[in-house]
Amino acid sequence: MQNFLIRRFVPQGEAGDPAVRRAYGQLAGGVGIALNALLCVAKMVAGLLSGSISVLSDAINNLSDMGSSLISIISARLSGRQPDPEHPFGHGRVEYVSSLIIAFLILFAGGQLLISSVQKLINPEEVTAGWPLLCVMVLSALVKLWMWAFNRKIGKRISSSVQLATARDSLNDCLITLTVAAATVIAVSTGEMRVDGGAGALVALLVLKSGFDVAHETIDQLLGGRPDPELVRQLAEEVRKTDMVVGVHDLIVHDYGPGRVMASVHAEVPDNADIVRAHEAIDEAERRIYADLHVPIVIHLDPVTVGSERVDAVRAQVLEAVKAENPLFSIHDFRMTDGQNRINLIFDIAVPVGMKQDERAQALSHIEARLREKDARYRMVAHVDENYQEA
């Protein structure tokens, strides 16, 4: 069924294509609205007839899921809009905002359910249950399990935080529905009606935790989280295999929403290389990376001395001193000015993101002291960079 729906409503093309992403989002949203509407009506009727607060709360939860599906459709349309003068990098982050709205809806539903359940614990009411109610709940759980698999498949295929959040919510709903059904049976068979309220409270706490998890992940994406390590590896590898490139550093990935990732990087080339040939090689690398990985990238050329035994030996001394201070440190853009009484060692040192200024200053002081022990003429001229990939 899942593959049939995808073939029927999603055009052929790569998942990164905005039109394909929009079609996936609209399909998932439409399916979500239709199924959640049916479940909401069925549970509302069953809950009113049985007097079960947990079943009614589950129906309200499905109603909020309809809102989430509607947001998914709106998000798919807005995020696929073309860049404009006010938003030159597109509207991809609309998906993150939509995920945050879904998280708030989940939290609201959980809060309302918790209030109702506590009231039911304080003032328990008679609950009746029969085969129709149990059939509704079991079928609902199966539908939610299918929706979890469907949204998870789409979310992974198009790297959509909205669909992955919806998938998680669907799995929670499946577990919630089974819990409610079990609690209703126990309440009716034992005559202890507080079980219904207790089950509702447990369900509410699960819903609230799910909402907090989705909100936390989405806020991380909005603030700018660590880039995908696999993408970082692929980008660095593609630049390294470019003709004349001998090193890569300062790779930064800019995330403007799913399918809208840009990057910049420094590529080291021999300082005696033909600048025109080097420029042509870098241009070719930028085109190749965009064609293969769909990532626009800007590559900056850094000339470095290659093949000098003297420079290589001193660079090795500097790297040894740096690694002795902290194995997470690295160096690049190394060069030196050699004199009779003073030797300037000029380089960039990359440190982990978040390292305090006083810790940086202390580390640099220790490194320079180690270098001066090797040669009193050494003078360190270091610029500190943050290594965003090792945060």
Protein backbone atom coordinates (compact mmCIF):
# COMPACT_ATOMS: atom_id res chain seq x y z
CA MET A 1 0.00 0.00 0.00
CA GLN A 2 2.80 2.43 0.89
CA ASN A 3 4.64 1.89 -2.39
CA PHE A 4 1.38 2.13 -4.34
CA LEU A 5 0.56 5.53 -2.81
CA ILE A 6 4.08 6.81 -3.47
CA ARG A 7 4.01 5.66 -7.11
CA ARG A 8 0.53 7.13 -7.57
CA PHE A 9 1.05 10.57 -6.06
CA VAL A 10 4.80 11.31 -6.11
CA PRO A 11 6.55 12.17 -9.40
CA GLN A 12 9.75 10.38 -10.36
CA GLY A 13 12.89 12.24 -9.36
CA GLU A 14 15.56 12.64 -6.72
CA ALA A 15 14.48 13.17 -3.11
CA GLY A 16 16.35 16.49 -3.02
CA ASP A 17 14.18 17.93 -5.81
CA PRO A 18 11.85 20.56 -4.23
CA ALA A 19 8.89 19.35 -6.33
CA VAL A 20 9.42 15.75 -5.21
CA ARG A 21 9.79 16.79 -1.56
CA ARG A 22 6.58 18.82 -1.81
CA ALA A 23 4.70 15.85 -3.28
CA TYR A 24 5.93 13.55 -0.51
CA GLY A 25 4.90 16.05 2.16
CA GLN A 26 1.45 16.58 0.69
CA LEU A 27 0.88 12.83 0.36
CA ALA A 28 1.86 12.19 3.98
CA GLY A 29 -0.27 15.08 5.18
CA GLY A 30 -3.33 14.00 3.19
CA VAL A 31 -3.10 10.41 4.43
CA GLY A 32 -2.66 11.67 7.99
CA ILE A 33 -5.73 13.92 7.86
CA ALA A 34 -7.95 11.18 6.41
CA LEU A 35 -6.92 8.42 8.82
CA ASN A 36 -6.84 10.61 11.93
CA ALA A 37 -10.30 11.97 11.13
CA LEU A 38 -11.71 8.44 10.97
CA LEU A 39 -9.97 7.43 14.19
CA CYS A 40 -11.09 10.57 16.01
CA VAL A 41 -14.77 10.05 15.13
CA ALA A 42 -14.67 6.33 15.99
CA LYS A 43 -12.99 6.89 19.36
CA MET A 44 -15.20 9.86 20.21
CA VAL A 45 -18.32 7.74 19.72
CA ALA A 46 -16.81 4.80 21.61
CA GLY A 47 -15.64 7.02 24.45
CA LEU A 48 -19.01 8.74 24.88
CA LEU A 49 -20.87 5.42 24.87
CA SER A 50 -18.49 3.78 27.36
CA GLY A 51 -17.85 6.81 29.57
CA SER A 52 -14.08 6.23 29.38
CA ILE A 53 -12.02 9.40 29.85
CA SER A 54 -8.90 7.67 28.51
CA VAL A 55 -10.67 6.74 25.25
CA LEU A 56 -12.03 10.29 24.86
CA SER A 57 -8.55 11.67 25.54
CA ASP A 58 -7.15 9.38 22.87
CA ALA A 59 -9.74 10.78 20.44
CA ILE A 60 -8.61 14.33 21.26
CA ASN A 61 -5.04 13.23 20.63
CA ASN A 62 -6.07 12.08 17.13
CA LEU A 63 -7.71 15.46 16.58
CA SER A 64 -4.40 17.19 17.34
CA ASP A 65 -2.72 14.76 14.93
CA MET A 66 -5.03 16.05 12.19
CA GLY A 67 -3.66 19.51 12.90
CA SER A 68 -0.13 18.15 12.65
CA SER A 69 -0.92 16.62 9.25
CA LEU A 70 -2.36 19.92 8.04
CA ILE A 71 0.83 21.67 9.16
CA SER A 72 2.80 19.04 7.25
CA ILE A 73 0.96 19.92 4.03
CA ILE A 74 1.42 23.67 4.54
CA SER A 75 5.09 23.12 5.39
CA ALA A 76 5.65 21.08 2.21
CA ARG A 77 4.21 23.86 0.06
CA LEU A 78 6.00 26.74 1.80
CA SER A 79 9.42 25.07 2.06
CA GLY A 80 9.35 24.31 -1.67
CA ARG A 81 8.95 27.96 -2.67
CA GLN A 82 11.68 29.46 -4.80
CA PRO A 83 14.19 31.91 -3.24
CA ASP A 84 13.17 35.54 -3.30
CA PRO A 85 14.95 38.85 -2.52
CA GLU A 86 14.00 38.60 1.17
CA HIS A 87 15.00 34.91 1.42
CA PRO A 88 17.86 34.35 -1.05
CA PHE A 89 18.62 30.88 0.34
CA GLY A 90 15.06 29.61 0.01
CA HIS A 91 12.43 28.67 2.58
CA GLY A 92 13.68 25.26 3.69
CA ARG A 93 13.76 26.16 7.39
CA VAL A 94 9.97 26.37 7.33
CA GLU A 95 10.12 22.61 7.95
CA TYR A 96 11.95 23.18 11.23
CA VAL A 97 9.40 25.79 12.32
CA SER A 98 6.60 23.38 11.40
CA SER A 99 8.21 20.63 13.46
CA LEU A 100 8.29 23.00 16.42
CA ILE A 101 4.59 23.78 16.00
CA ILE A 102 3.85 20.04 15.93
CA ALA A 103 5.86 19.66 19.15
CA PHE A 104 3.75 22.35 20.82
CA LEU A 105 0.55 20.64 19.67
CA ILE A 106 1.79 17.37 21.16
CA LEU A 107 2.60 19.14 24.43
CA PHE A 108 -0.81 20.82 24.50
CA ALA A 109 -2.60 17.50 23.92
CA GLY A 110 -0.53 15.87 26.65
CA GLY A 111 -1.26 18.66 29.11
CA GLN A 112 -5.00 18.53 28.51
CA LEU A 113 -4.99 14.75 28.82
CA LEU A 114 -3.09 14.93 32.12
CA ILE A 115 -5.57 17.40 33.60
CA SER A 116 -8.57 15.26 32.59
CA SER A 117 -6.93 12.09 33.90
CA VAL A 118 -6.12 13.60 37.30
CA GLN A 119 -9.74 14.75 37.61
CA LYS A 120 -10.85 11.20 36.77
CA LEU A 121 -8.56 9.83 39.48
CA ILE A 122 -10.08 12.17 42.05
CA ASN A 123 -13.67 11.59 40.94
CA PRO A 124 -13.85 8.18 39.19
CA GLU A 125 -16.87 7.44 37.02
CA GLU A 126 -18.42 4.20 35.81
CA VAL A 127 -16.84 2.77 32.65
CA THR A 128 -18.48 0.22 30.39
CA ALA A 129 -16.71 -1.74 27.69
CA GLY A 130 -17.72 -4.23 25.05
CA TRP A 131 -16.38 -5.86 21.92
CA PRO A 132 -17.16 -2.81 19.72
CA LEU A 133 -14.97 -0.59 21.92
CA LEU A 134 -12.12 -3.08 22.00
CA CYS A 135 -12.31 -3.61 18.23
CA VAL A 136 -12.11 0.15 17.67
CA MET A 137 -9.04 0.43 19.89
CA VAL A 138 -7.17 -2.53 18.38
CA LEU A 139 -7.87 -1.39 14.81
CA SER A 140 -6.78 2.11 15.79
CA ALA A 141 -3.47 0.75 17.11
CA LEU A 142 -2.87 -1.14 13.85
CA VAL A 143 -3.64 1.96 11.78
CA LYS A 144 -1.23 4.04 13.87
CA LEU A 145 1.47 1.39 13.47
CA TRP A 146 1.04 1.57 9.69
CA MET A 147 1.19 5.39 9.83
CA TRP A 148 4.42 5.19 11.82
CA ALA A 149 6.03 3.01 9.14
CA PHE A 150 4.67 5.21 6.33
CA ASN A 151 5.83 8.55 7.78
CA ARG A 152 9.17 7.10 8.85
CA LYS A 153 9.79 5.80 5.34
CA ILE A 154 9.01 9.18 3.79
CA GLY A 155 10.93 11.09 6.47
CA LYS A 156 14.10 9.08 5.88
CA ARG A 157 13.74 9.21 2.11
CA ILE A 158 13.55 13.02 1.95
CA SER A 159 15.36 13.82 5.25
CA SER A 160 12.29 15.61 6.62
CA SER A 161 12.21 16.47 10.33
CA VAL A 162 8.45 17.07 10.02
CA GLN A 163 7.72 13.53 8.80
CA LEU A 164 10.10 11.94 11.30
CA ALA A 165 8.39 13.87 14.11
CA THR A 166 5.00 12.74 12.81
CA ALA A 167 6.25 9.13 12.65
CA ARG A 168 7.37 9.28 16.26
CA ASP A 169 4.00 10.71 17.27
CA SER A 170 2.22 7.87 15.43
CA LEU A 171 4.24 5.21 17.24
CA ASN A 172 3.44 6.88 20.56
CA ASP A 173 -0.24 6.89 19.60
CA CYS A 174 -0.10 3.15 18.89
CA LEU A 175 1.33 2.42 22.34
CA ILE A 176 -1.10 4.86 23.94
CA THR A 177 -4.13 3.22 22.32
CA LEU A 178 -3.05 -0.26 23.45
CA THR A 179 -2.50 1.06 26.98
CA VAL A 180 -5.95 2.66 27.02
CA ALA A 181 -7.60 -0.55 25.77
CA ALA A 182 -5.87 -2.62 28.44
CA ALA A 183 -6.78 -0.14 31.18
CA THR A 184 -10.42 -0.12 30.10
CA VAL A 185 -10.62 -3.92 30.25
CA ILE A 186 -8.98 -3.95 33.71
CA ALA A 187 -11.29 -1.22 35.02
CA VAL A 188 -14.43 -3.02 33.85
CA SER A 189 -13.34 -6.49 34.98
CA THR A 190 -12.13 -5.43 38.45
CA GLY A 191 -14.57 -2.61 39.13
CA GLU A 192 -11.68 -0.28 40.04
CA MET A 193 -12.53 2.75 37.92
CA ARG A 194 -9.45 4.70 39.00
CA VAL A 195 -7.45 2.45 36.65
CA ASP A 196 -8.99 4.41 33.77
CA GLY A 197 -7.73 7.70 35.17
CA GLY A 198 -4.34 6.20 35.99
CA ALA A 199 -3.94 4.91 32.45
CA GLY A 200 -4.90 8.33 31.12
CA ALA A 201 -2.24 9.97 33.31
CA LEU A 202 0.41 7.51 32.13
CA VAL A 203 -0.54 8.16 28.52
CA ALA A 204 -0.36 11.91 29.14
CA LEU A 205 3.18 11.65 30.50
CA LEU A 206 4.27 9.65 27.45
CA VAL A 207 2.74 12.26 25.15
CA LEU A 208 4.47 15.09 27.03
CA LYS A 209 7.85 13.33 26.81
CA SER A 210 7.41 12.85 23.07
CA GLY A 211 6.58 16.53 22.66
CA PHE A 212 9.64 17.62 24.63
CA ASP A 213 11.89 15.31 22.56
CA VAL A 214 10.60 16.68 19.25
CA ALA A 215 10.92 20.28 20.50
CA HIS A 216 14.49 19.69 21.71
CA GLU A 217 15.65 18.18 18.41
CA THR A 218 13.94 20.88 16.35
CA ILE A 219 15.36 23.75 18.41
CA ASP A 220 18.83 22.25 17.93
CA GLN A 221 18.28 22.34 14.15
CA LEU A 222 17.02 25.93 14.24
CA LEU A 223 19.97 27.08 16.36
CA GLY A 224 22.43 25.30 14.06
CA GLY A 225 23.50 21.83 15.10
CA ARG A 226 26.55 19.82 14.17
CA PRO A 227 26.57 18.85 10.46
CA ASP A 228 26.06 15.29 9.28
CA PRO A 229 29.46 13.55 9.78
CA GLU A 230 28.97 11.47 6.63
CA LEU A 231 28.36 14.59 4.52
CA VAL A 232 31.44 16.25 6.04
CA ARG A 233 33.52 13.17 5.19
CA GLN A 234 32.23 13.08 1.61
CA LEU A 235 32.89 16.79 1.03
CA ALA A 236 36.43 16.63 2.42
CA GLU A 237 37.17 13.49 0.39
CA GLU A 238 35.93 15.09 -2.84
CA VAL A 239 38.10 18.18 -2.30
CA ARG A 240 41.18 16.12 -1.37
CA LYS A 241 41.04 14.08 -4.57
CA THR A 242 41.13 17.26 -6.66
CA ASP A 243 44.25 17.75 -8.76
CA MET A 244 46.97 19.83 -7.00
CA VAL A 245 45.18 19.85 -3.61
CA VAL A 246 47.49 18.66 -0.79
CA GLY A 247 45.31 19.43 2.24
CA VAL A 248 41.84 20.49 3.40
CA HIS A 249 40.74 22.49 6.44
CA ASP A 250 38.14 24.97 7.74
CA LEU A 251 35.23 23.03 6.25
CA ILE A 252 31.97 24.68 7.29
CA VAL A 253 28.51 23.38 6.37
CA HIS A 254 25.66 25.88 6.26
CA ASP A 255 22.19 24.37 6.73
CA TYR A 256 19.26 26.35 5.32
CA GLY A 257 16.79 23.49 5.65
CA PRO A 258 16.45 19.96 4.25
CA GLY A 259 17.88 19.80 0.74
CA ARG A 260 19.38 23.30 1.09
CA VAL A 261 22.89 22.73 2.38
CA MET A 262 25.85 24.89 1.32
CA ALA A 263 29.51 24.60 2.27
CA SER A 264 32.81 26.43 2.25
CA VAL A 265 36.31 25.01 2.67
CA HIS A 266 40.00 25.92 2.39
CA ALA A 267 42.09 23.79 0.04
CA GLU A 268 45.88 23.82 0.34
CA VAL A 269 47.88 23.88 -2.92
CA PRO A 270 51.66 24.10 -3.45
CA ASP A 271 52.86 27.71 -3.33
CA ASN A 272 54.84 27.15 -6.54
CA ALA A 273 51.84 25.82 -8.49
CA ASP A 274 50.50 27.46 -11.63
CA ILE A 275 47.74 29.69 -10.23
CA VAL A 276 45.63 29.42 -13.39
CA ARG A 277 45.75 25.60 -13.37
CA ALA A 278 44.99 25.55 -9.65
CA HIS A 279 41.99 27.82 -10.17
CA GLU A 280 40.68 25.62 -12.98
CA ALA A 281 41.05 22.52 -10.79
CA ILE A 282 39.11 24.17 -7.96
CA ASP A 283 36.34 25.30 -10.33
CA GLU A 284 36.04 21.75 -11.63
CA ALA A 285 35.84 20.42 -8.04
CA GLU A 286 33.04 22.85 -7.17
CA ARG A 287 31.04 21.72 -10.22
CA ARG A 288 31.69 18.02 -9.51
CA ILE A 289 30.63 18.28 -5.86
CA TYR A 290 27.42 20.08 -6.78
CA ALA A 291 26.60 17.46 -9.42
CA ASP A 292 27.36 14.49 -7.13
CA LEU A 293 26.25 15.73 -3.69
CA HIS A 294 23.88 18.60 -4.59
CA VAL A 295 25.83 20.92 -2.29
CA PRO A 296 26.93 24.34 -3.59
CA ILE A 297 30.45 24.84 -2.25
CA VAL A 298 32.97 27.68 -2.23
CA ILE A 299 36.61 26.51 -2.16
CA HIS A 300 39.31 28.95 -1.06
CA LEU A 301 42.91 28.36 -2.17
CA ASP A 302 45.64 28.41 0.48
CA PRO A 303 49.24 28.27 -0.85
CA VAL A 304 51.59 26.15 1.29
CA THR A 305 55.24 25.21 0.98
CA VAL A 306 55.64 21.62 -0.19
CA GLY A 307 58.81 19.58 -0.60
CA SER A 308 61.09 21.65 1.64
CA GLU A 309 62.90 19.38 4.11
CA ARG A 310 63.52 22.32 6.45
CA VAL A 311 59.86 23.45 6.50
CA ASP A 312 58.57 19.87 6.78
CA ALA A 313 60.86 19.18 9.75
CA VAL A 314 59.79 22.32 11.62
CA ARG A 315 56.11 21.66 10.81
CA ALA A 316 56.50 18.20 12.35
CA GLN A 317 57.96 19.78 15.51
CA VAL A 318 55.02 22.19 15.75
CA LEU A 319 52.47 19.41 15.24
CA GLU A 320 54.15 17.31 17.93
CA ALA A 321 54.00 20.20 20.41
CA VAL A 322 50.36 20.91 19.55
CA LYS A 323 49.24 17.29 19.90
CA ALA A 324 51.12 16.98 23.20
CA GLU A 325 48.97 19.80 24.57
CA ASN A 326 45.67 18.41 23.27
CA PRO A 327 45.14 15.50 20.83
CA LEU A 328 42.01 17.26 19.49
CA PHE A 329 44.06 20.25 18.29
CA SER A 330 45.21 20.43 14.65
CA ILE A 331 47.21 22.88 12.54
CA HIS A 332 47.05 24.17 8.97
CA ASP A 333 48.31 27.01 6.77
CA PHE A 334 51.82 26.51 8.16
CA ARG A 335 54.62 28.74 6.95
CA MET A 336 57.80 30.16 8.46
CA THR A 337 60.17 33.09 8.11
CA ASP A 338 63.68 31.84 8.78
CA GLY A 339 66.20 34.25 10.29
CA GLN A 340 69.53 34.10 12.10
CA ASN A 341 68.22 35.31 15.47
CA ARG A 342 64.47 34.78 15.11
CA ILE A 343 62.32 32.20 13.35
CA ASN A 344 58.62 33.03 13.05
CA LEU A 345 56.34 29.99 12.97
CA ILE A 346 53.07 31.14 11.42
CA PHE A 347 50.07 28.81 11.39
CA ASP A 348 46.40 28.37 12.23
CA ILE A 349 45.47 26.08 15.11
CA ALA A 350 42.00 24.51 15.22
CA VAL A 351 40.52 23.92 18.69
CA PRO A 352 37.20 22.35 19.76
CA VAL A 353 34.15 24.61 19.69
CA GLY A 354 33.29 26.00 23.12
CA MET A 355 36.83 26.07 24.50
CA LYS A 356 37.12 29.02 26.89
CA GLN A 357 39.37 31.96 26.08
CA ASP A 358 41.56 31.51 29.16
CA GLU A 359 41.99 27.81 28.32
CA ARG A 360 43.01 28.73 24.77
CA ALA A 361 45.55 31.28 26.00
CA GLN A 362 47.02 28.81 28.46
CA ALA A 363 47.27 26.10 25.80
CA LEU A 364 49.04 28.45 23.37
CA SER A 365 51.48 29.45 26.09
CA HIS A 366 52.30 25.80 26.79
CA ILE A 367 52.77 25.05 23.08
CA GLU A 368 55.13 27.98 22.57
CA ALA A 369 57.15 26.95 25.63
CA ARG A 370 57.58 23.45 24.17
CA LEU A 371 58.72 24.93 20.86
CA ARG A 372 61.20 27.28 22.55
CA GLU A 373 62.72 24.26 24.25
CA LYS A 374 63.51 22.85 20.81
CA ASP A 375 64.95 26.12 19.48
CA ALA A 376 65.16 29.38 21.45
CA ARG A 377 64.78 31.35 18.21
CA TYR A 378 61.25 30.06 17.61
CA ARG A 379 58.48 32.65 17.87
CA MET A 380 54.92 31.37 17.48
CA VAL A 381 52.40 33.44 15.50
CA ALA A 382 49.20 31.41 15.77
CA HIS A 383 45.63 32.21 14.78
CA VAL A 384 42.97 30.18 16.59
CA ASP A 385 40.14 28.60 14.57
CA GLU A 386 37.21 26.59 15.89
CA ASN A 387 36.87 23.06 14.56
CA TYR A 388 33.13 22.81 13.93
CA GLN A 389 33.35 19.19 12.81
CA GLU A 390 34.83 18.04 16.14
CA ALA A 391 32.38 19.93 18.38
